[in-house]
Amino acid sequence: MPRAVTHPPGMDAARSSTRTIDKFALIPILACVYATIAFPLIIASCSPTDAACLLEARPESKIFWPALALISTIWAAQHYSRLSFPPLIVCLLAYLAFAGMSVLWAFKPETSFIRFAQQAMIVISIVVPAMLAARNADLVRGLFLCFALAAVLNLIFVFVKPPIDVKFATWGYPGYFSGKNYLGEFAVVALLLSIGEAFHPGKRRLFGILTALISIALLVLSNSKTSMGLVLLAPGLAGVTLLVRKYTRLSPAIILLSIPVGWFVLSSVTGVTIYRLSNILYGDPTFTGRSIIWEFVKSEIDHRPLLGWGYQSFWLVGPDAPSIVNAPGWVKDMPNAHNGYLDTMVELGYAGYALLLAFIIATLHAIGRLADRSPARAWLVLSILVHIIITNGLESLWMRGFEMLWVLFVILAAETARYWKSSVPARAARGSRSGIPSPAPRRPTAAAVRLHPAHAARLARAAFSTPPAAPTIPDGTTPTAKG
């Protein structure tokens, strides 16, 4: 399986009844359904150790993604005047375009082009419809429904599918996924979306609470220690970030970037590395053998540091692939580096890595505008984004086919971009309260003034007749001006 109308802040829940899922918003949600439910069920019969079965190209994918991309392209042509892309979407498209350019110098150009073409269809199928969706379209609500259905199905599979218990693997239930870590990553997102749904009144709150309980059970049954830690770390870090932003007005991107920068400085001074930290927390300094893979990948990055080996042209590209010819021992069998950042560098070089960072930073920065209008939604979206960003340190997710968390990240980035697009009119309306001067009101034209007929007749007489005689007061005298 590929790893695989404006309203003020706080009014999101009150206006929930006006939110809907239109035909445009339905396409990104279908993309989520396929990546989260349909495709994992298609390969559910594959053994977790059968790489050929898990990685085999499926005819369903060859039909589904081209169909969604075709629909999205037709809509883009029909509604071209409505399409506009905020900076974070421009960064995503630049990242995608560079991946396409890398076909020119890829180790296996044919394979790289096929994988890029699929990725282009995935991004188009999400971004274009999301940008065309109505302002009251609720993509987050659609994501919750997708993950709620998947949570129920996974709970059923827990009872009918035995846990993974193979050599060198930690015990845990995979649900209908190909591994227990997949189920753990899924459960974290499902729980966060359920908490967001529980903020709404009535049946939505009850549905959110029930889904949250199922998600907690799945998280425990997955026995994914990383996910158990992130389910507390991600929402906590998101909350602190938005709180700091509220009082300092710093960009969320700057606040979050200060964490790895601070860690780098602390590690340089104290000598405490991530491997030592892993040994303290888990009793394993290698991150379950990942450090061996990472050292090999770093050596391969040094061979092509600027542009890399080409988009998805390093792993799984035949017996002569550098991942097989140059790798030591069991690393030859790896499908990826188990680190999304290192995989980006080895495939697209430091140039592609810079474009990835630009996309991530632009998305985090845009969360600030979302927070101005809907703090609760901003916290929910940022929590999931932080979860995915950290998970990429241990798994390869960035632009890897239709990986569940990659598809989710693109959908949430598009949702954030929709708030960026509609924030300018809202900010202008709040100008007088925020200290920004609002434009002076325009004086109405004569054509815009509707007069009472009697007043209109009086004005006409004044314009085309001699001045009237001075009025008299009751005693018959004529008033004179004072002074």
Protein backbone atom coordinates (compact mmCIF):
# COMPACT_ATOMS: atom_id res chain seq x y z
CA MET A 1 0.00 0.00 0.00
CA PRO A 2 1.38 3.42 -0.76
CA ARG A 3 1.88 5.28 2.47
CA ALA A 4 -0.59 5.48 0.49
CA VAL A 5 -20.68 34.77 3.86
CA THR A 6 -17.91 35.90 6.38
CA HIS A 7 -18.56 35.76 10.10
CA PRO A 8 -16.65 36.91 13.17
CA PRO A 9 -14.60 34.61 15.39
CA GLY A 10 -16.55 32.28 17.61
CA MET A 11 -19.56 32.13 15.29
CA ASP A 12 -18.58 28.91 13.53
CA ALA A 13 -20.73 26.68 15.69
CA ALA A 14 -23.67 29.05 15.68
CA ARG A 15 -23.68 29.14 11.89
CA SER A 16 -23.11 25.41 11.40
CA SER A 17 -26.65 24.94 10.09
CA THR A 18 -25.81 27.19 7.12
CA ARG A 19 -22.81 25.08 6.12
CA THR A 20 -23.17 22.52 3.40
CA ILE A 21 -21.22 20.24 1.07
CA ASP A 22 -21.71 21.35 -2.53
CA LYS A 23 -20.71 19.50 -5.69
CA PHE A 24 -17.26 21.12 -5.70
CA ALA A 25 -16.48 20.20 -2.08
CA LEU A 26 -17.62 16.64 -2.75
CA ILE A 27 -14.61 15.88 -4.98
CA PRO A 28 -11.90 16.44 -2.30
CA ILE A 29 -14.01 14.43 0.14
CA LEU A 30 -14.20 11.57 -2.37
CA ALA A 31 -10.40 11.74 -2.61
CA CYS A 32 -10.27 11.31 1.17
CA VAL A 33 -12.71 8.39 1.03
CA TYR A 34 -10.62 6.58 -1.57
CA ALA A 35 -7.31 7.10 0.26
CA THR A 36 -8.72 6.32 3.72
CA ILE A 37 -11.35 3.64 3.08
CA ALA A 38 -11.66 2.30 -0.48
CA PHE A 39 -8.04 1.56 -1.36
CA PRO A 40 -7.05 0.10 2.05
CA LEU A 41 -10.05 -2.24 1.79
CA ILE A 42 -8.99 -3.27 -1.73
CA ILE A 43 -5.60 -4.46 -0.45
CA ALA A 44 -6.80 -5.63 2.97
CA SER A 45 -6.22 -9.25 1.93
CA CYS A 46 -2.49 -8.62 1.38
CA SER A 47 -0.08 -9.83 4.04
CA PRO A 48 1.82 -7.04 5.83
CA THR A 49 5.06 -8.68 4.66
CA ASP A 50 3.98 -9.13 1.00
CA ALA A 51 5.50 -6.03 -0.59
CA ALA A 52 4.57 -7.13 -4.13
CA CYS A 53 0.88 -7.30 -3.22
CA LEU A 54 0.90 -4.04 -1.26
CA LEU A 55 2.76 -2.04 -3.91
CA GLU A 56 1.14 -3.49 -7.02
CA ALA A 57 -0.57 -0.94 -9.29
CA ARG A 58 -4.34 -1.39 -9.06
CA PRO A 59 -6.82 -0.87 -11.92
CA GLU A 60 -9.19 0.95 -9.55
CA SER A 61 -6.62 3.70 -9.01
CA LYS A 62 -6.03 3.98 -12.76
CA ILE A 63 -9.72 4.78 -13.19
CA PHE A 64 -10.55 6.78 -10.05
CA TRP A 65 -7.87 9.50 -10.13
CA PRO A 66 -8.04 10.24 -13.87
CA ALA A 67 -11.84 10.54 -13.54
CA LEU A 68 -11.57 13.04 -10.67
CA ALA A 69 -8.84 14.97 -12.46
CA LEU A 70 -10.92 15.15 -15.65
CA ILE A 71 -13.95 16.50 -13.77
CA SER A 72 -11.76 19.05 -11.99
CA THR A 73 -10.14 20.17 -15.24
CA ILE A 74 -13.53 20.67 -16.91
CA TRP A 75 -14.71 22.73 -13.94
CA ALA A 76 -11.52 24.79 -14.07
CA ALA A 77 -12.18 25.61 -17.73
CA GLN A 78 -15.84 26.45 -17.07
CA HIS A 79 -15.16 28.64 -14.03
CA TYR A 80 -11.75 30.01 -14.94
CA SER A 81 -12.64 33.56 -13.88
CA ARG A 82 -13.43 32.37 -10.34
CA LEU A 83 -10.13 30.58 -9.82
CA SER A 84 -7.41 32.32 -7.84
CA PHE A 85 -4.62 30.70 -5.88
CA PRO A 86 -3.34 32.11 -2.56
CA PRO A 87 0.42 31.98 -1.82
CA LEU A 88 0.32 28.60 -0.09
CA ILE A 89 -1.33 26.96 -3.13
CA VAL A 90 1.23 28.63 -5.39
CA CYS A 91 3.97 27.05 -3.25
CA LEU A 92 2.27 23.64 -3.56
CA LEU A 93 2.02 23.96 -7.34
CA ALA A 94 5.67 25.05 -7.54
CA TYR A 95 6.69 22.00 -5.49
CA LEU A 96 4.62 19.79 -7.81
CA ALA A 97 6.03 21.44 -10.94
CA PHE A 98 9.62 20.90 -9.78
CA ALA A 99 8.83 17.22 -9.22
CA GLY A 100 7.63 17.09 -12.83
CA MET A 101 10.79 18.82 -14.06
CA SER A 102 12.92 16.24 -12.24
CA VAL A 103 11.80 13.65 -14.79
CA LEU A 104 14.41 15.21 -17.08
CA TRP A 105 17.28 14.05 -14.85
CA ALA A 106 15.61 11.13 -13.05
CA PHE A 107 17.39 7.80 -12.67
CA LYS A 108 14.35 6.10 -14.25
CA PRO A 109 12.52 8.79 -16.28
CA GLU A 110 9.64 6.53 -17.36
CA THR A 111 8.79 5.44 -13.82
CA SER A 112 9.25 8.95 -12.50
CA PHE A 113 6.88 10.39 -15.12
CA ILE A 114 4.14 7.85 -14.41
CA ARG A 115 4.29 8.53 -10.67
CA PHE A 116 4.38 12.29 -11.23
CA ALA A 117 1.35 12.12 -13.55
CA GLN A 118 -0.62 10.35 -10.83
CA GLN A 119 0.47 12.91 -8.24
CA ALA A 120 -0.54 15.78 -10.51
CA MET A 121 -4.02 14.26 -10.88
CA ILE A 122 -4.32 13.91 -7.10
CA VAL A 123 -3.36 17.54 -6.41
CA ILE A 124 -5.61 18.89 -9.20
CA SER A 125 -8.54 16.79 -7.94
CA ILE A 126 -8.26 18.40 -4.51
CA VAL A 127 -7.11 21.97 -5.09
CA VAL A 128 -9.28 23.05 -8.04
CA PRO A 129 -12.67 21.91 -6.62
CA ALA A 130 -11.79 23.26 -3.17
CA MET A 131 -11.02 26.69 -4.62
CA LEU A 132 -14.32 26.65 -6.51
CA ALA A 133 -16.44 25.49 -3.56
CA ALA A 134 -19.00 27.85 -2.05
CA ARG A 135 -17.89 30.01 0.87
CA ASN A 136 -20.14 28.07 3.24
CA ALA A 137 -18.92 24.67 2.02
CA ASP A 138 -17.59 22.67 4.98
CA LEU A 139 -14.67 20.45 3.97
CA VAL A 140 -13.85 19.67 7.60
CA ARG A 141 -17.35 18.30 8.16
CA GLY A 142 -16.85 16.06 5.12
CA LEU A 143 -13.52 14.83 6.47
CA PHE A 144 -15.15 13.96 9.78
CA LEU A 145 -17.86 11.90 8.06
CA CYS A 146 -15.17 10.05 6.10
CA PHE A 147 -13.10 9.24 9.20
CA ALA A 148 -16.18 8.39 11.28
CA LEU A 149 -17.23 5.75 8.74
CA ALA A 150 -13.66 4.45 8.58
CA ALA A 151 -13.52 4.24 12.39
CA VAL A 152 -16.61 2.02 12.50
CA LEU A 153 -15.23 -0.23 9.75
CA ASN A 154 -11.86 -0.51 11.51
CA LEU A 155 -13.58 -1.47 14.75
CA ILE A 156 -15.29 -4.32 12.91
CA PHE A 157 -12.00 -5.47 11.40
CA VAL A 158 -10.39 -5.53 14.84
CA PHE A 159 -12.77 -8.35 15.74
CA VAL A 160 -12.26 -10.34 12.52
CA LYS A 161 -8.58 -9.70 11.70
CA PRO A 162 -5.83 -10.90 14.07
CA PRO A 163 -3.17 -8.54 15.38
CA ILE A 164 0.24 -8.27 13.73
CA ASP A 165 2.67 -10.51 15.55
CA VAL A 166 5.71 -11.06 13.32
CA LYS A 167 9.44 -11.01 13.93
CA PHE A 168 10.95 -7.57 14.56
CA ALA A 169 7.45 -6.00 14.74
CA THR A 170 5.65 -4.81 17.86
CA TRP A 171 2.32 -6.43 18.59
CA GLY A 172 -0.79 -4.44 17.61
CA TYR A 173 -4.03 -4.48 15.63
CA PRO A 174 -3.91 -3.02 12.10
CA GLY A 175 -7.67 -2.81 11.46
CA TYR A 176 -8.17 -2.95 7.69
CA PHE A 177 -4.84 -1.17 7.13
CA SER A 178 -1.58 -2.92 6.25
CA GLY A 179 0.10 -2.04 9.53
CA LYS A 180 -0.62 -1.05 13.11
CA ASN A 181 1.10 2.32 12.68
CA TYR A 182 -1.38 3.15 9.93
CA LEU A 183 -4.22 2.49 12.34
CA GLY A 184 -2.53 4.63 15.00
CA GLU A 185 -2.04 7.55 12.60
CA PHE A 186 -5.64 7.23 11.47
CA ALA A 187 -6.98 7.08 15.03
CA VAL A 188 -5.23 10.33 15.99
CA VAL A 189 -6.87 12.22 13.10
CA ALA A 190 -10.26 10.60 13.74
CA LEU A 191 -10.11 11.60 17.41
CA LEU A 192 -9.17 15.22 16.62
CA LEU A 193 -11.96 15.53 14.03
CA SER A 194 -14.39 14.03 16.55
CA ILE A 195 -13.45 16.63 19.15
CA GLY A 196 -14.09 19.34 16.57
CA GLU A 197 -17.48 17.81 15.78
CA ALA A 198 -18.38 17.65 19.48
CA PHE A 199 -18.25 21.47 19.62
CA HIS A 200 -21.50 21.55 17.65
CA PRO A 201 -24.89 21.13 19.35
CA GLY A 202 -27.52 18.42 19.00
CA LYS A 203 -26.96 15.15 17.18
CA ARG A 204 -23.61 16.31 15.81
CA ARG A 205 -22.21 16.50 19.34
CA LEU A 206 -23.47 13.00 20.17
CA PHE A 207 -22.07 11.62 16.93
CA GLY A 208 -18.72 13.28 17.63
CA ILE A 209 -18.51 11.83 21.15
CA LEU A 210 -19.32 8.29 19.94
CA THR A 211 -16.70 8.52 17.20
CA ALA A 212 -14.16 9.86 19.70
CA LEU A 213 -14.73 6.83 21.96
CA ILE A 214 -14.21 4.46 19.02
CA SER A 215 -11.07 6.36 17.98
CA ILE A 216 -9.58 6.08 21.47
CA ALA A 217 -10.25 2.32 21.46
CA LEU A 218 -8.57 1.97 18.04
CA LEU A 219 -5.58 3.99 19.20
CA VAL A 220 -5.07 1.75 22.20
CA LEU A 221 -5.54 -1.43 20.15
CA SER A 222 -3.05 -0.28 17.52
CA ASN A 223 -0.34 -0.13 20.21
CA SER A 224 1.38 2.59 18.18
CA LYS A 225 3.53 4.40 20.75
CA THR A 226 4.33 7.28 18.41
CA SER A 227 0.64 7.94 17.76
CA MET A 228 -0.16 7.72 21.47
CA GLY A 229 2.37 10.45 22.10
CA LEU A 230 1.23 12.63 19.19
CA VAL A 231 -2.43 12.51 20.21
CA LEU A 232 -1.44 14.66 23.20
CA LEU A 233 1.50 16.56 21.73
CA ALA A 234 -0.11 17.77 18.48
CA PRO A 235 -3.25 19.44 19.90
CA GLY A 236 -1.31 20.79 22.88
CA LEU A 237 1.34 22.32 20.65
CA ALA A 238 -1.33 23.77 18.36
CA GLY A 239 -3.13 25.34 21.31
CA VAL A 240 0.03 26.91 22.70
CA THR A 241 0.98 28.22 19.24
CA LEU A 242 -2.37 29.95 18.74
CA LEU A 243 -2.29 31.34 22.27
CA VAL A 244 1.17 32.83 21.73
CA ARG A 245 0.05 34.24 18.40
CA LYS A 246 -2.97 35.88 20.03
CA TYR A 247 -0.80 37.92 22.39
CA THR A 248 2.27 38.46 20.21
CA ARG A 249 0.71 38.56 16.71
CA LEU A 250 3.58 36.41 15.48
CA SER A 251 2.95 34.05 12.59
CA PRO A 252 2.22 30.43 13.61
CA ALA A 253 4.98 29.44 11.19
CA ILE A 254 7.56 31.50 13.10
CA ILE A 255 6.39 30.12 16.46
CA LEU A 256 6.58 26.50 15.33
CA LEU A 257 9.86 26.95 13.44
CA SER A 258 11.47 28.23 16.62
CA ILE A 259 11.11 24.72 18.09
CA PRO A 260 13.43 22.82 15.70
CA VAL A 261 15.82 25.77 15.64
CA GLY A 262 15.90 25.80 19.44
CA TRP A 263 16.42 22.03 19.50
CA PHE A 264 19.34 22.33 17.07
CA VAL A 265 21.02 24.90 19.28
CA LEU A 266 20.36 22.88 22.43
CA SER A 267 21.64 19.69 20.81
CA SER A 268 24.80 21.43 19.63
CA VAL A 269 25.52 22.78 23.10
CA THR A 270 24.58 19.75 25.22
CA GLY A 271 25.29 16.91 22.81
CA VAL A 272 21.82 15.39 23.36
CA THR A 273 20.77 13.97 19.96
CA ILE A 274 17.43 12.58 18.82
CA TYR A 275 18.93 9.08 19.06
CA ARG A 276 19.80 9.59 22.70
CA LEU A 277 16.34 10.99 23.31
CA SER A 278 14.82 7.91 21.63
CA ASN A 279 16.90 5.69 23.90
CA ILE A 280 15.62 7.56 26.98
CA LEU A 281 11.97 7.39 25.91
CA TYR A 282 11.76 3.99 24.20
CA GLY A 283 14.96 2.17 25.15
CA ASP A 284 15.97 2.08 21.47
CA PRO A 285 18.53 4.58 20.13
CA THR A 286 17.91 3.58 16.48
CA PHE A 287 14.20 4.43 16.15
CA THR A 288 13.47 0.76 15.36
CA GLY A 289 16.36 0.55 12.90
CA ARG A 290 15.53 3.77 11.09
CA SER A 291 18.87 5.36 11.92
CA ILE A 292 20.62 2.80 9.68
CA ILE A 293 18.34 3.71 6.77
CA TRP A 294 18.83 7.42 7.40
CA GLU A 295 22.63 7.19 7.38
CA PHE A 296 22.50 5.40 4.02
CA VAL A 297 20.09 7.96 2.53
CA LYS A 298 22.29 10.85 3.70
CA SER A 299 25.23 9.32 1.87
CA GLU A 300 23.15 9.06 -1.32
CA ILE A 301 22.02 12.69 -1.00
CA ASP A 302 25.70 13.68 -1.10
CA HIS A 303 25.97 12.13 -4.58
CA ARG A 304 23.27 14.42 -6.04
CA PRO A 305 22.76 17.19 -3.48
CA LEU A 306 21.17 19.95 -5.57
CA LEU A 307 18.57 18.22 -7.76
CA GLY A 308 18.42 14.66 -6.40
CA TRP A 309 17.79 11.37 -8.18
CA GLY A 310 14.41 12.40 -9.59
CA TYR A 311 10.86 12.26 -8.25
CA GLN A 312 10.23 8.76 -6.86
CA SER A 313 13.16 7.47 -8.91
CA PHE A 314 15.30 6.17 -6.07
CA TRP A 315 13.28 3.48 -4.29
CA LEU A 316 11.47 0.60 -6.02
CA VAL A 317 12.65 1.32 -9.56
CA GLY A 318 14.19 -2.03 -10.46
CA PRO A 319 17.14 -4.24 -9.54
CA ASP A 320 19.67 -1.62 -10.66
CA ALA A 321 18.18 1.10 -8.44
CA PRO A 322 20.65 2.93 -6.19
CA SER A 323 18.54 1.88 -3.20
CA ILE A 324 19.47 -1.74 -4.00
CA VAL A 325 22.92 -1.47 -5.53
CA ASN A 326 24.36 0.82 -2.86
CA ALA A 327 22.33 -0.08 0.23
CA PRO A 328 23.70 -2.36 2.95
CA GLY A 329 21.97 -5.57 4.04
CA TRP A 330 18.25 -5.41 4.76
CA VAL A 331 18.05 -1.74 3.74
CA LYS A 332 17.85 -3.00 0.13
CA ASP A 333 14.29 -4.17 0.83
CA MET A 334 13.02 -0.81 2.07
CA PRO A 335 10.29 0.97 0.02
CA ASN A 336 11.28 4.38 1.37
CA ALA A 337 13.53 6.12 3.91
CA HIS A 338 10.90 6.20 6.68
CA ASN A 339 11.47 9.97 6.75
CA GLY A 340 9.56 12.28 4.45
CA TYR A 341 12.16 15.05 4.63
CA LEU A 342 15.10 12.80 3.75
CA ASP A 343 13.11 11.22 0.92
CA THR A 344 12.37 14.66 -0.48
CA MET A 345 16.08 15.53 -0.40
CA VAL A 346 17.23 12.27 -1.97
CA GLU A 347 14.64 12.53 -4.77
CA LEU A 348 14.49 16.30 -5.42
CA GLY A 349 17.68 17.55 -3.79
CA TYR A 350 17.99 20.62 -1.64
CA ALA A 351 16.08 22.65 -4.27
CA GLY A 352 12.99 20.46 -3.92
CA TYR A 353 13.41 20.37 -0.15
CA ALA A 354 13.33 24.19 -0.09
CA LEU A 355 10.08 24.18 -2.07
CA LEU A 356 8.56 21.67 0.36
CA LEU A 357 9.52 23.84 3.32
CA ALA A 358 8.06 26.89 1.55
CA PHE A 359 4.75 25.06 1.15
CA ILE A 360 4.67 23.95 4.80
CA ILE A 361 5.64 27.40 6.12
CA ALA A 362 3.08 29.17 3.89
CA THR A 363 0.36 26.80 5.11
CA LEU A 364 1.23 27.35 8.77
CA HIS A 365 1.36 31.12 8.21
CA ALA A 366 -2.11 31.07 6.64
CA ILE A 367 -3.50 29.44 9.79
CA GLY A 368 -3.17 32.89 11.37
CA ARG A 369 -5.91 34.31 9.16
CA LEU A 370 -8.09 31.31 9.87
CA ALA A 371 -7.60 31.91 13.60
CA ASP A 372 -8.80 35.50 13.25
CA ARG A 373 -12.15 34.27 11.97
CA SER A 374 -12.63 30.87 13.62
CA PRO A 375 -10.28 30.03 16.51
CA ALA A 376 -11.78 26.59 17.13
CA ARG A 377 -11.42 25.54 13.50
CA ALA A 378 -7.88 26.94 13.39
CA TRP A 379 -6.94 24.84 16.42
CA LEU A 380 -8.41 21.71 14.86
CA VAL A 381 -6.71 22.20 11.49
CA LEU A 382 -3.37 23.14 13.05
CA SER A 383 -3.48 20.11 15.36
CA ILE A 384 -3.85 17.75 12.40
CA LEU A 385 -1.17 19.57 10.39
CA VAL A 386 1.28 19.37 13.30
CA HIS A 387 0.51 15.65 13.63
CA ILE A 388 1.34 15.10 9.94
CA ILE A 389 4.46 17.29 10.02
CA ILE A 390 5.91 15.37 12.98
CA THR A 391 4.88 11.97 11.60
CA ASN A 392 6.91 12.72 8.48
CA GLY A 393 9.99 12.56 10.67
CA LEU A 394 9.39 8.81 11.07
CA GLU A 395 7.43 7.92 7.92
CA SER A 396 7.59 9.05 4.28
CA LEU A 397 4.39 10.90 3.45
CA TRP A 398 5.22 14.07 1.51
CA MET A 399 3.86 13.74 -2.03
CA ARG A 400 3.90 9.92 -1.85
CA GLY A 401 1.08 8.78 -4.12
CA PHE A 402 -2.28 8.99 -2.36
CA GLU A 403 -1.02 8.38 1.15
CA MET A 404 -3.84 9.00 3.61
CA LEU A 405 -2.04 11.73 5.58
CA TRP A 406 -0.65 13.40 2.45
CA VAL A 407 -4.13 13.63 0.90
CA LEU A 408 -5.43 14.97 4.21
CA PHE A 409 -2.67 17.60 4.39
CA VAL A 410 -3.47 18.88 0.88
CA ILE A 411 -7.20 19.05 1.67
CA LEU A 412 -6.58 21.02 4.87
CA ALA A 413 -4.14 23.32 3.06
CA ALA A 414 -6.85 23.99 0.46
CA GLU A 415 -9.39 24.62 3.23
CA THR A 416 -7.01 27.11 4.84
CA ALA A 417 -6.47 28.78 1.46
CA ARG A 418 -10.23 29.30 1.13
CA TYR A 419 -10.18 31.36 4.34
CA TRP A 420 -7.17 33.30 3.05
CA LYS A 421 -9.10 34.24 -0.10
CA SER A 422 -12.15 35.51 1.79
CA SER A 423 -10.29 37.29 4.60
CA VAL A 424 -9.62 40.56 2.73
CA PRO A 425 -13.25 41.79 2.64
CA ALA A 426 -13.69 40.76 6.26
CA ARG A 427 -10.60 42.69 7.34
CA ALA A 428 -11.77 45.78 5.50
CA ALA A 429 -15.11 45.55 7.28
CA ARG A 430 -13.27 45.43 10.61
CA GLY A 431 -11.01 48.36 9.69
CA SER A 432 -12.45 50.87 12.14
CA ARG A 433 -12.11 48.42 15.04
CA SER A 434 -8.61 47.25 14.22
CA GLY A 435 -7.13 50.73 13.85
CA ILE A 436 -6.96 50.53 10.07
CA PRO A 437 -8.82 53.47 8.54
CA SER A 438 -11.78 52.46 6.46
CA PRO A 439 -12.42 54.21 3.16
CA ALA A 440 -14.74 57.22 3.37
CA PRO A 441 -18.32 56.45 2.37
CA ARG A 442 -19.20 57.51 -1.14
CA ARG A 443 -21.85 60.23 -1.49
CA PRO A 444 -24.93 58.92 -3.23
CA THR A 445 -25.57 60.22 -6.71
CA ALA A 446 -28.75 62.10 -7.61
CA ALA A 447 -29.99 59.07 -9.50
CA ALA A 448 -29.61 56.98 -6.37
CA VAL A 449 -31.76 59.32 -4.23
CA ARG A 450 -35.44 58.54 -4.35
CA LEU A 451 -37.59 61.59 -3.45
CA HIS A 452 -41.18 61.79 -2.37
CA PRO A 453 -43.28 63.03 -5.35
CA ALA A 454 -44.31 66.22 -3.48
CA HIS A 455 -40.65 67.03 -2.77
CA ALA A 456 -39.70 66.38 -6.37
CA ALA A 457 -42.40 68.77 -7.60
CA ARG A 458 -41.24 71.45 -5.18
CA LEU A 459 -37.65 71.14 -6.43
CA ALA A 460 -38.83 71.42 -10.01
CA ARG A 461 -40.77 74.61 -9.32
CA ALA A 462 -37.76 76.11 -7.54
CA ALA A 463 -35.54 75.39 -10.51
CA PHE A 464 -37.76 76.68 -13.31
CA SER A 465 -39.85 79.50 -11.75
CA THR A 466 -39.24 82.89 -10.12
CA PRO A 467 -38.39 82.96 -6.43
CA PRO A 468 -41.50 82.79 -4.25
CA ALA A 469 -42.65 85.78 -2.18
CA ALA A 470 -41.37 86.00 1.35
CA PRO A 471 -43.59 84.13 3.78
CA THR A 472 -45.69 86.08 6.27
CA ILE A 473 -46.16 85.41 9.91
CA PRO A 474 -49.63 85.24 11.53
CA ASP A 475 -49.72 88.97 12.39
CA GLY A 476 -49.27 89.86 8.69
CA THR A 477 -45.68 91.22 8.94
CA THR A 478 -42.77 90.06 6.88
CA PRO A 479 -39.78 88.48 8.70
CA THR A 480 -36.33 90.05 8.23
CA ALA A 481 -32.91 88.58 8.69
CA LYS A 482 -31.29 89.07 12.09
CA GLY A 483 -28.31 91.30 12.41
